[in-house]
Amino acid sequence: MNNTFRITGLALVIIFGVFSINTTLANESQNNTGHDEHSHEHEKPTKEPAQDHDHADDKGNSPEMLSVEGDDHEEGVSLSAEKIKLARIKVEKVFPKKYQSTVYAPGEMKANGYKSYLVSPRTDSVVINRHASLGDHVKSGQKLVTLFSETMAQTQADFLIASSNWQRVKKLGSNNISEHTLVEAENIYKGVYGKLVAFGLTKLAIDKIAQQDSATFGQYVLIAEREGVVLQDDFMQGQRIDAGETIMLLADETDLWVEANVPPNKELNLALGSPAIIDLNGIKYQANVIQEAHTIDPITRTRTVRLSVTNTKHKLHSGMFVKVYFQFESKDEVIAVPEEALIRSSDGDWTVFIEDHTNEFKAVEVTRGRSFGEYREVFGIQPGTKVVTHGAFFVASEIAKGGFDPHNH
């Protein structure tokens, strides 16, 4: 029995010892854990809670943006060099400079009235034959059309009589005939000669009248008074043409007119020689203002501004409708970016992407100003800022794929 008590007491001692050891180990473990956490607080401070994305800081700066690939960078969106190359993202520094602003107006190509020529008979005639057709390039002196006229036949006959009489009187001289007869014969000859010139005959054609066959008497040829293109030839062989009626229009298409219809409320203050751009299906041509009307068209309620455009390649033709963009240089230097660099945010604000660090971009809100063709004046960025001028939409879409708002909202 004593042995039993001894064994029981020994067991209690062992159990109590094990319990004490476990309690000690647990306390030490708890103490160590507390020590480690305390140490980590000194080694690495805990990260402050993220700011609300709907608010800016006290200085008015935009909230930070999260990186969509790679490590997080403060206020940046990192894109790999490979993606930048594939997307053809272009970054340029922007500085203040003068830009050209534009004002649009519809326009129509016209033949240059100062370098065009209307071909028409000066007396009622019938078309015998044509020597040039629509679209032909003719040289000065080239035959255009052969006509027949009864009046021309009579005038040619009168010329033969007057010429023969004048030659006879000149041979007799003033010693054999009176001065009155001599002067009268000369004046009659000159009068008939001038009538033939008025009908459009050249000196060469008049000199050949005496050699002309009786079957062709009354026929005459109209020639090109200048080089140009046949823009109109609304006639047929055998057709009777009244005096003064246009049968052909010749124009120099190397220099054409553009007549732009400008609304009367547009105060353009155009000076002679002011530059403009002519747009025909995306192809641009340089033009200059040569005239400006001071009256309003009663039908279109617009005023006409006439421009001159060089057309050496003959791509422009009379009657074509074109877009006219008048250009004005800004009086002061401004910061402007390409229109494609501007991205509208979800709340309607305009933003651009700037590169603060290599391959790292962030959106900056800007205010749009005047339009300068393909460029737009912006406020909100400093001179020398690196702006994404091409590929801004790709930058925004890359952020959107990561589930982040590229405009910090």
Protein backbone atom coordinates (compact mmCIF):
# COMPACT_ATOMS: atom_id res chain seq x y z
CA MET A 1 0.00 0.00 0.00
CA ASN A 2 2.80 2.40 0.73
CA ASN A 3 4.23 1.55 -2.67
CA THR A 4 0.92 2.41 -4.27
CA PHE A 5 0.85 5.86 -2.69
CA ARG A 6 4.46 6.39 -3.69
CA ILE A 7 3.69 5.57 -7.34
CA THR A 8 0.61 7.78 -7.35
CA GLY A 9 2.50 10.73 -5.91
CA LEU A 10 5.29 10.34 -8.45
CA ALA A 11 2.76 10.38 -11.28
CA LEU A 12 1.21 13.59 -10.01
CA VAL A 13 4.62 15.20 -9.83
CA ILE A 14 5.39 14.23 -13.48
CA ILE A 15 2.01 15.48 -14.72
CA PHE A 16 2.41 18.80 -12.88
CA GLY A 17 5.93 19.21 -14.31
CA VAL A 18 4.77 18.62 -17.87
CA PHE A 19 1.95 21.16 -17.38
CA SER A 20 4.41 23.73 -16.06
CA ILE A 21 6.76 23.21 -19.01
CA ASN A 22 3.95 23.65 -21.57
CA THR A 23 2.74 26.76 -19.78
CA THR A 24 6.24 28.21 -19.83
CA LEU A 25 6.72 27.41 -23.51
CA ALA A 26 3.39 29.01 -24.37
CA ASN A 27 4.26 32.19 -22.50
CA GLU A 28 7.66 32.37 -24.16
CA SER A 29 6.07 31.87 -27.58
CA GLN A 30 3.60 34.67 -26.90
CA ASN A 31 6.36 36.95 -25.71
CA ASN A 32 8.45 36.18 -28.80
CA THR A 33 5.53 36.91 -31.08
CA GLY A 34 4.95 40.25 -29.48
CA HIS A 35 8.62 41.04 -29.76
CA ASP A 36 8.69 40.16 -33.48
CA GLU A 37 5.70 42.33 -34.27
CA HIS A 38 7.22 45.19 -32.37
CA SER A 39 10.49 44.73 -34.27
CA HIS A 40 8.71 44.73 -37.64
CA GLU A 41 6.99 47.96 -36.78
CA HIS A 42 10.41 49.57 -36.48
CA GLU A 43 11.91 47.85 -39.50
CA LYS A 44 9.06 48.50 -41.99
CA PRO A 45 6.24 50.93 -41.30
CA THR A 46 2.76 49.79 -42.17
CA LYS A 47 1.34 51.22 -45.41
CA GLU A 48 -1.15 54.01 -44.93
CA PRO A 49 -4.69 53.41 -46.12
CA ALA A 50 -5.23 54.21 -49.81
CA GLN A 51 -6.71 57.59 -50.57
CA ASP A 52 -10.24 57.90 -51.84
CA HIS A 53 -10.06 57.95 -55.67
CA ASP A 54 -12.86 60.49 -55.84
CA HIS A 55 -10.84 63.17 -54.05
CA ALA A 56 -7.58 65.00 -54.65
CA ASP A 57 -5.04 65.79 -51.96
CA ASP A 58 -4.78 69.10 -50.14
CA LYS A 59 -2.51 70.51 -52.86
CA GLY A 60 -5.03 69.73 -55.59
CA ASN A 61 -2.96 66.93 -57.15
CA SER A 62 -4.74 64.09 -58.90
CA PRO A 63 -4.97 60.70 -57.09
CA GLU A 64 -2.31 58.08 -57.70
CA MET A 65 -2.74 55.58 -60.50
CA LEU A 66 -2.08 51.84 -60.19
CA SER A 67 0.28 49.96 -62.45
CA VAL A 68 -1.27 47.45 -64.80
CA GLU A 69 1.87 45.41 -65.32
CA GLY A 70 5.14 45.04 -63.48
CA ASP A 71 5.75 46.59 -60.07
CA ASP A 72 3.62 49.44 -58.77
CA HIS A 73 5.05 52.90 -59.42
CA GLU A 74 3.75 56.01 -57.76
CA GLU A 75 1.41 58.00 -60.03
CA GLY A 76 2.34 55.83 -63.02
CA VAL A 77 1.04 53.30 -65.52
CA SER A 78 3.90 51.09 -66.66
CA LEU A 79 3.93 49.56 -70.12
CA SER A 80 6.61 47.29 -71.45
CA ALA A 81 8.91 48.56 -74.15
CA GLU A 82 7.58 45.83 -76.43
CA LYS A 83 3.99 47.00 -76.07
CA ILE A 84 5.02 50.61 -76.63
CA LYS A 85 6.75 49.63 -79.84
CA LEU A 86 3.89 47.44 -81.11
CA ALA A 87 1.29 50.11 -80.33
CA ARG A 88 3.49 52.78 -81.95
CA ILE A 89 3.11 55.01 -78.94
CA LYS A 90 4.77 58.35 -79.61
CA VAL A 91 5.84 60.74 -76.87
CA GLU A 92 6.86 64.34 -77.56
CA LYS A 93 7.80 67.32 -75.47
CA VAL A 94 5.37 70.19 -75.96
CA PHE A 95 6.44 73.82 -75.96
CA PRO A 96 4.58 77.06 -76.67
CA LYS A 97 4.66 78.11 -80.31
CA LYS A 98 2.47 79.77 -82.92
CA TYR A 99 -0.07 77.60 -84.74
CA GLN A 100 -2.35 78.02 -87.73
CA SER A 101 -6.07 78.18 -86.95
CA THR A 102 -8.59 77.26 -89.65
CA VAL A 103 -12.07 78.35 -90.70
CA TYR A 104 -14.06 76.01 -92.97
CA ALA A 105 -16.18 77.01 -95.97
CA PRO A 106 -17.56 74.98 -98.90
CA GLY A 107 -16.12 75.82 -102.30
CA GLU A 108 -16.34 75.06 -106.00
CA MET A 109 -13.59 74.90 -108.61
CA LYS A 110 -13.93 77.45 -111.41
CA ALA A 111 -12.02 78.22 -114.57
CA ASN A 112 -9.70 81.17 -114.24
CA GLY A 113 -11.74 83.94 -115.84
CA TYR A 114 -8.62 85.96 -116.55
CA LYS A 115 -6.97 83.09 -118.42
CA SER A 116 -10.03 81.67 -120.19
CA TYR A 117 -11.34 82.35 -123.69
CA LEU A 118 -14.84 81.95 -125.16
CA VAL A 119 -14.83 80.81 -128.78
CA SER A 120 -17.87 82.12 -130.65
CA PRO A 121 -18.71 83.32 -134.18
CA ARG A 122 -19.10 87.08 -134.68
CA THR A 123 -21.76 86.52 -137.32
CA ASP A 124 -24.52 83.95 -137.77
CA SER A 125 -22.83 80.80 -139.06
CA VAL A 126 -23.21 77.09 -139.69
CA VAL A 127 -20.71 74.54 -138.33
CA ILE A 128 -18.89 72.78 -141.18
CA ASN A 129 -16.23 70.84 -139.26
CA ARG A 130 -14.61 70.62 -135.82
CA HIS A 131 -10.87 70.35 -135.26
CA ALA A 132 -10.78 70.04 -131.45
CA SER A 133 -12.91 68.17 -128.91
CA LEU A 134 -13.77 68.31 -125.22
CA GLY A 135 -10.72 67.82 -123.01
CA ASP A 136 -8.17 68.49 -125.75
CA HIS A 137 -5.13 70.59 -124.91
CA VAL A 138 -4.75 73.11 -127.71
CA LYS A 139 -1.93 75.47 -128.60
CA SER A 140 -2.21 79.11 -129.52
CA GLY A 141 -3.06 79.41 -133.25
CA GLN A 142 -4.42 75.87 -133.51
CA LYS A 143 -7.57 75.32 -135.62
CA LEU A 144 -10.74 74.81 -133.58
CA VAL A 145 -13.75 74.86 -135.94
CA THR A 146 -14.62 75.64 -139.56
CA LEU A 147 -17.79 77.68 -140.14
CA PHE A 148 -19.79 78.97 -143.08
CA SER A 149 -21.55 82.30 -143.18
CA GLU A 150 -23.47 84.13 -145.95
CA THR A 151 -22.32 87.40 -144.44
CA MET A 152 -18.76 86.17 -144.54
CA ALA A 153 -19.12 85.21 -148.21
CA GLN A 154 -20.38 88.69 -149.06
CA THR A 155 -17.63 90.32 -147.03
CA GLN A 156 -14.97 88.20 -148.71
CA ALA A 157 -16.33 89.25 -152.11
CA ASP A 158 -16.36 92.88 -151.05
CA PHE A 159 -12.77 92.49 -149.90
CA LEU A 160 -11.63 91.14 -153.26
CA ILE A 161 -13.20 94.12 -155.03
CA ALA A 162 -11.87 96.65 -152.54
CA SER A 163 -8.38 95.12 -152.56
CA SER A 164 -8.22 95.05 -156.38
CA ASN A 165 -9.43 98.65 -156.65
CA TRP A 166 -6.95 99.84 -154.03
CA GLN A 167 -4.05 98.14 -155.80
CA ARG A 168 -5.07 99.74 -159.12
CA VAL A 169 -5.42 103.24 -157.61
CA LYS A 170 -2.04 103.00 -155.93
CA LYS A 171 -0.38 102.16 -159.23
CA LEU A 172 -1.96 105.15 -160.97
CA GLY A 173 -0.77 107.48 -158.25
CA SER A 174 -1.90 110.96 -157.33
CA ASN A 175 -0.64 112.41 -160.61
CA ASN A 176 -3.29 110.52 -162.63
CA ILE A 177 -6.25 110.49 -160.26
CA SER A 178 -7.70 112.87 -157.77
CA GLU A 179 -6.74 112.82 -154.12
CA HIS A 180 -10.39 112.15 -153.25
CA THR A 181 -10.49 108.99 -155.36
CA LEU A 182 -7.24 107.75 -153.85
CA VAL A 183 -8.37 108.27 -150.25
CA GLU A 184 -11.80 106.77 -150.92
CA ALA A 185 -10.34 103.58 -152.39
CA GLU A 186 -7.95 103.22 -149.46
CA ASN A 187 -10.69 103.71 -146.87
CA ILE A 188 -13.01 101.19 -148.52
CA TYR A 189 -10.21 98.63 -148.53
CA LYS A 190 -9.37 99.27 -144.88
CA GLY A 191 -13.04 99.09 -143.88
CA VAL A 192 -13.59 95.69 -145.45
CA TYR A 193 -10.28 94.42 -144.11
CA GLY A 194 -11.27 95.48 -140.60
CA LYS A 195 -14.65 93.76 -140.97
CA LEU A 196 -12.92 90.47 -141.76
CA VAL A 197 -10.69 90.89 -138.70
CA ALA A 198 -13.78 91.55 -136.61
CA PHE A 199 -15.25 88.27 -137.88
CA GLY A 200 -12.23 86.46 -136.47
CA LEU A 201 -10.04 86.00 -139.51
CA THR A 202 -6.28 86.21 -139.13
CA LYS A 203 -4.01 88.21 -141.43
CA LEU A 204 -2.83 84.97 -143.02
CA ALA A 205 -6.43 83.88 -143.69
CA ILE A 206 -7.28 87.27 -145.23
CA ASP A 207 -4.25 87.16 -147.50
CA LYS A 208 -5.40 83.74 -148.80
CA ILE A 209 -8.91 84.90 -149.77
CA ALA A 210 -7.79 85.69 -153.31
CA GLN A 211 -6.53 82.09 -153.66
CA GLN A 212 -9.66 80.58 -152.15
CA ASP A 213 -11.67 78.15 -154.31
CA SER A 214 -15.19 79.25 -155.16
CA ALA A 215 -16.58 76.06 -153.55
CA THR A 216 -15.22 77.14 -150.17
CA PHE A 217 -16.17 80.77 -150.49
CA GLY A 218 -17.84 81.93 -147.29
CA GLN A 219 -16.04 79.39 -145.13
CA TYR A 220 -13.68 80.53 -142.42
CA VAL A 221 -11.77 78.98 -139.50
CA LEU A 222 -11.74 80.05 -135.84
CA ILE A 223 -8.42 79.44 -134.12
CA ALA A 224 -7.28 79.26 -130.48
CA GLU A 225 -6.32 82.71 -129.30
CA ARG A 226 -4.37 81.17 -126.40
CA GLU A 227 -3.19 77.83 -125.07
CA GLY A 228 -5.63 75.89 -122.90
CA VAL A 229 -7.97 72.97 -122.41
CA VAL A 230 -11.33 72.64 -124.17
CA LEU A 231 -13.77 72.72 -121.27
CA GLN A 232 -16.93 73.13 -123.34
CA ASP A 233 -17.95 72.26 -126.92
CA ASP A 234 -21.75 72.08 -126.95
CA PHE A 235 -22.35 71.99 -130.71
CA MET A 236 -22.74 69.55 -133.60
CA GLN A 237 -21.60 69.69 -137.20
CA GLY A 238 -24.28 71.29 -139.39
CA GLN A 239 -25.68 73.25 -136.44
CA ARG A 240 -26.51 76.91 -136.97
CA ILE A 241 -24.81 79.12 -134.41
CA ASP A 242 -25.97 82.67 -133.68
CA ALA A 243 -23.47 85.48 -133.50
CA GLY A 244 -21.96 85.65 -130.01
CA GLU A 245 -23.12 82.17 -128.99
CA THR A 246 -20.39 80.16 -127.22
CA ILE A 247 -19.33 77.03 -129.04
CA MET A 248 -16.11 76.35 -127.11
CA LEU A 249 -14.53 77.39 -123.83
CA LEU A 250 -10.77 77.33 -123.50
CA ALA A 251 -9.17 77.62 -120.07
CA ASP A 252 -5.70 77.44 -118.59
CA GLU A 253 -6.11 74.67 -115.98
CA THR A 254 -2.65 75.15 -114.54
CA ASP A 255 -4.09 78.04 -112.53
CA LEU A 256 -7.70 77.66 -111.37
CA TRP A 257 -10.08 79.62 -109.18
CA VAL A 258 -11.88 78.40 -106.08
CA GLU A 259 -15.00 80.26 -105.06
CA ALA A 260 -15.66 79.74 -101.34
CA ASN A 261 -19.09 80.55 -99.89
CA VAL A 262 -18.52 82.21 -96.52
CA PRO A 263 -21.41 82.92 -94.10
CA PRO A 264 -21.93 86.69 -93.71
CA ASN A 265 -21.44 86.48 -89.93
CA LYS A 266 -17.87 85.22 -90.35
CA GLU A 267 -15.52 88.18 -89.94
CA LEU A 268 -12.40 86.67 -91.46
CA ASN A 269 -10.49 89.90 -92.16
CA LEU A 270 -8.79 88.29 -95.11
CA ALA A 271 -5.95 90.10 -96.79
CA LEU A 272 -4.92 89.48 -100.39
CA GLY A 273 -2.54 86.55 -100.46
CA SER A 274 -3.90 85.01 -97.23
CA PRO A 275 -3.19 81.25 -97.24
CA ALA A 276 -5.81 78.52 -97.39
CA ILE A 277 -5.96 74.76 -97.82
CA ILE A 278 -8.11 73.13 -100.52
CA ASP A 279 -9.23 69.60 -99.63
CA LEU A 280 -10.44 67.28 -102.41
CA ASN A 281 -11.19 63.79 -101.08
CA GLY A 282 -8.37 64.03 -98.55
CA ILE A 283 -5.81 65.46 -101.01
CA LYS A 284 -4.58 68.90 -99.93
CA TYR A 285 -3.66 71.84 -102.16
CA GLN A 286 -2.24 75.23 -101.22
CA ALA A 287 -4.27 78.25 -102.28
CA ASN A 288 -4.23 82.02 -101.76
CA VAL A 289 -6.98 84.61 -101.50
CA ILE A 290 -7.12 86.89 -104.55
CA GLN A 291 -10.55 88.57 -104.23
CA GLU A 292 -13.31 89.03 -101.66
CA ALA A 293 -16.88 90.04 -102.49
CA HIS A 294 -18.54 92.78 -100.44
CA THR A 295 -22.10 91.78 -101.31
CA ILE A 296 -24.28 88.88 -100.12
CA ASP A 297 -25.66 86.42 -102.66
CA PRO A 298 -29.48 86.75 -102.53
CA ILE A 299 -29.97 83.00 -103.02
CA THR A 300 -27.26 81.35 -100.93
CA ARG A 301 -27.05 84.23 -98.40
CA THR A 302 -23.28 83.92 -98.45
CA ARG A 303 -20.48 86.08 -99.75
CA THR A 304 -17.87 84.82 -102.18
CA VAL A 305 -14.17 84.66 -101.45
CA ARG A 306 -12.13 83.81 -104.52
CA LEU A 307 -8.84 81.94 -104.28
CA SER A 308 -6.17 80.92 -106.76
CA VAL A 309 -4.73 77.40 -106.75
CA THR A 310 -1.90 75.97 -108.84
CA ASN A 311 -2.93 72.82 -110.73
CA THR A 312 0.20 71.69 -112.54
CA LYS A 313 -0.73 67.99 -112.21
CA HIS A 314 -4.24 68.60 -113.60
CA LYS A 315 -5.98 66.81 -110.72
CA LEU A 316 -8.44 69.68 -110.19
CA HIS A 317 -11.14 70.53 -112.70
CA SER A 318 -13.80 73.17 -113.06
CA GLY A 319 -17.08 72.21 -111.40
CA MET A 320 -15.57 70.10 -108.60
CA PHE A 321 -16.80 70.71 -105.05
CA VAL A 322 -14.05 71.08 -102.47
CA LYS A 323 -13.52 71.98 -98.82
CA VAL A 324 -11.77 75.27 -98.14
CA TYR A 325 -9.88 75.86 -94.89
CA PHE A 326 -8.76 79.46 -94.38
CA GLN A 327 -5.64 79.65 -92.21
CA PHE A 328 -4.82 82.23 -89.57
CA GLU A 329 -1.67 82.26 -87.46
CA SER A 330 -2.19 82.69 -83.72
CA LYS A 331 -1.03 86.07 -82.43
CA ASP A 332 0.68 84.54 -79.39
CA GLU A 333 2.47 81.26 -78.68
CA VAL A 334 0.32 78.48 -77.25
CA ILE A 335 0.72 74.88 -76.09
CA ALA A 336 -1.18 72.53 -78.37
CA VAL A 337 -1.38 68.76 -78.85
CA PRO A 338 -2.76 66.60 -81.67
CA GLU A 339 -6.50 66.00 -81.39
CA GLU A 340 -5.87 62.25 -81.07
CA ALA A 341 -3.84 62.86 -77.89
CA LEU A 342 -7.00 64.01 -76.08
CA ILE A 343 -9.10 61.35 -74.33
CA ARG A 344 -12.44 62.11 -72.71
CA SER A 345 -12.89 60.70 -69.21
CA SER A 346 -16.03 59.03 -67.84
CA ASP A 347 -17.23 62.31 -66.35
CA GLY A 348 -16.70 64.21 -69.60
CA ASP A 349 -13.37 65.86 -68.75
CA TRP A 350 -10.55 65.96 -71.31
CA THR A 351 -7.23 64.36 -70.38
CA VAL A 352 -3.85 63.65 -71.91
CA PHE A 353 -1.27 61.04 -70.89
CA ILE A 354 2.13 62.31 -69.85
CA GLU A 355 5.36 60.37 -69.27
CA ASP A 356 6.95 61.27 -65.93
CA HIS A 357 9.38 58.34 -65.99
CA THR A 358 10.54 56.01 -68.71
CA ASN A 359 7.61 53.90 -69.97
CA GLU A 360 5.41 55.17 -67.15
CA PHE A 361 2.34 57.24 -67.94
CA LYS A 362 -0.35 59.05 -66.04
CA ALA A 363 -3.50 60.91 -67.04
CA VAL A 364 -3.64 64.66 -66.52
CA GLU A 365 -6.84 66.64 -66.84
CA VAL A 366 -6.65 69.56 -69.29
CA THR A 367 -8.91 72.28 -70.65
CA ARG A 368 -9.30 72.59 -74.41
CA GLY A 369 -8.87 75.90 -76.19
CA ARG A 370 -8.81 76.99 -79.82
CA SER A 371 -8.62 74.58 -82.73
CA PHE A 372 -5.58 74.74 -85.02
CA GLY A 373 -6.46 72.18 -87.67
CA GLU A 374 -5.21 68.81 -86.42
CA TYR A 375 -3.98 70.42 -83.19
CA ARG A 376 -5.88 71.72 -80.18
CA GLU A 377 -4.76 74.34 -77.67
CA VAL A 378 -4.69 72.92 -74.11
CA PHE A 379 -4.36 74.38 -70.64
CA GLY A 380 -3.11 72.44 -67.61
CA ILE A 381 0.35 71.19 -68.65
CA GLN A 382 3.70 72.90 -68.37
CA PRO A 383 6.16 73.62 -71.22
CA GLY A 384 8.53 70.70 -71.79
CA THR A 385 6.01 68.08 -70.60
CA LYS A 386 6.30 64.73 -72.35
CA VAL A 387 2.87 64.03 -73.83
CA VAL A 388 1.62 60.89 -75.58
CA THR A 389 0.83 62.35 -79.01
CA HIS A 390 0.04 59.03 -80.68
CA GLY A 391 -1.36 55.91 -79.04
CA ALA A 392 -3.21 57.55 -76.12
CA PHE A 393 -6.24 55.33 -76.72
CA PHE A 394 -4.04 52.23 -76.37
CA VAL A 395 -2.67 53.47 -73.05
CA ALA A 396 -6.19 54.02 -71.77
CA SER A 397 -7.37 50.61 -73.00
CA GLU A 398 -4.45 48.83 -71.33
CA ILE A 399 -5.45 50.36 -68.02
CA ALA A 400 -9.09 49.49 -68.60
CA LYS A 401 -8.16 45.83 -69.20
CA GLY A 402 -6.68 45.75 -65.71
CA GLY A 403 -9.93 47.01 -64.21
CA PHE A 404 -8.64 50.48 -63.34
CA ASP A 405 -10.04 53.83 -64.32
CA PRO A 406 -7.42 55.47 -66.58
CA HIS A 407 -8.75 58.88 -65.65
CA ASN A 408 -8.33 58.53 -61.89
CA HIS A 409 -12.06 58.33 -61.16
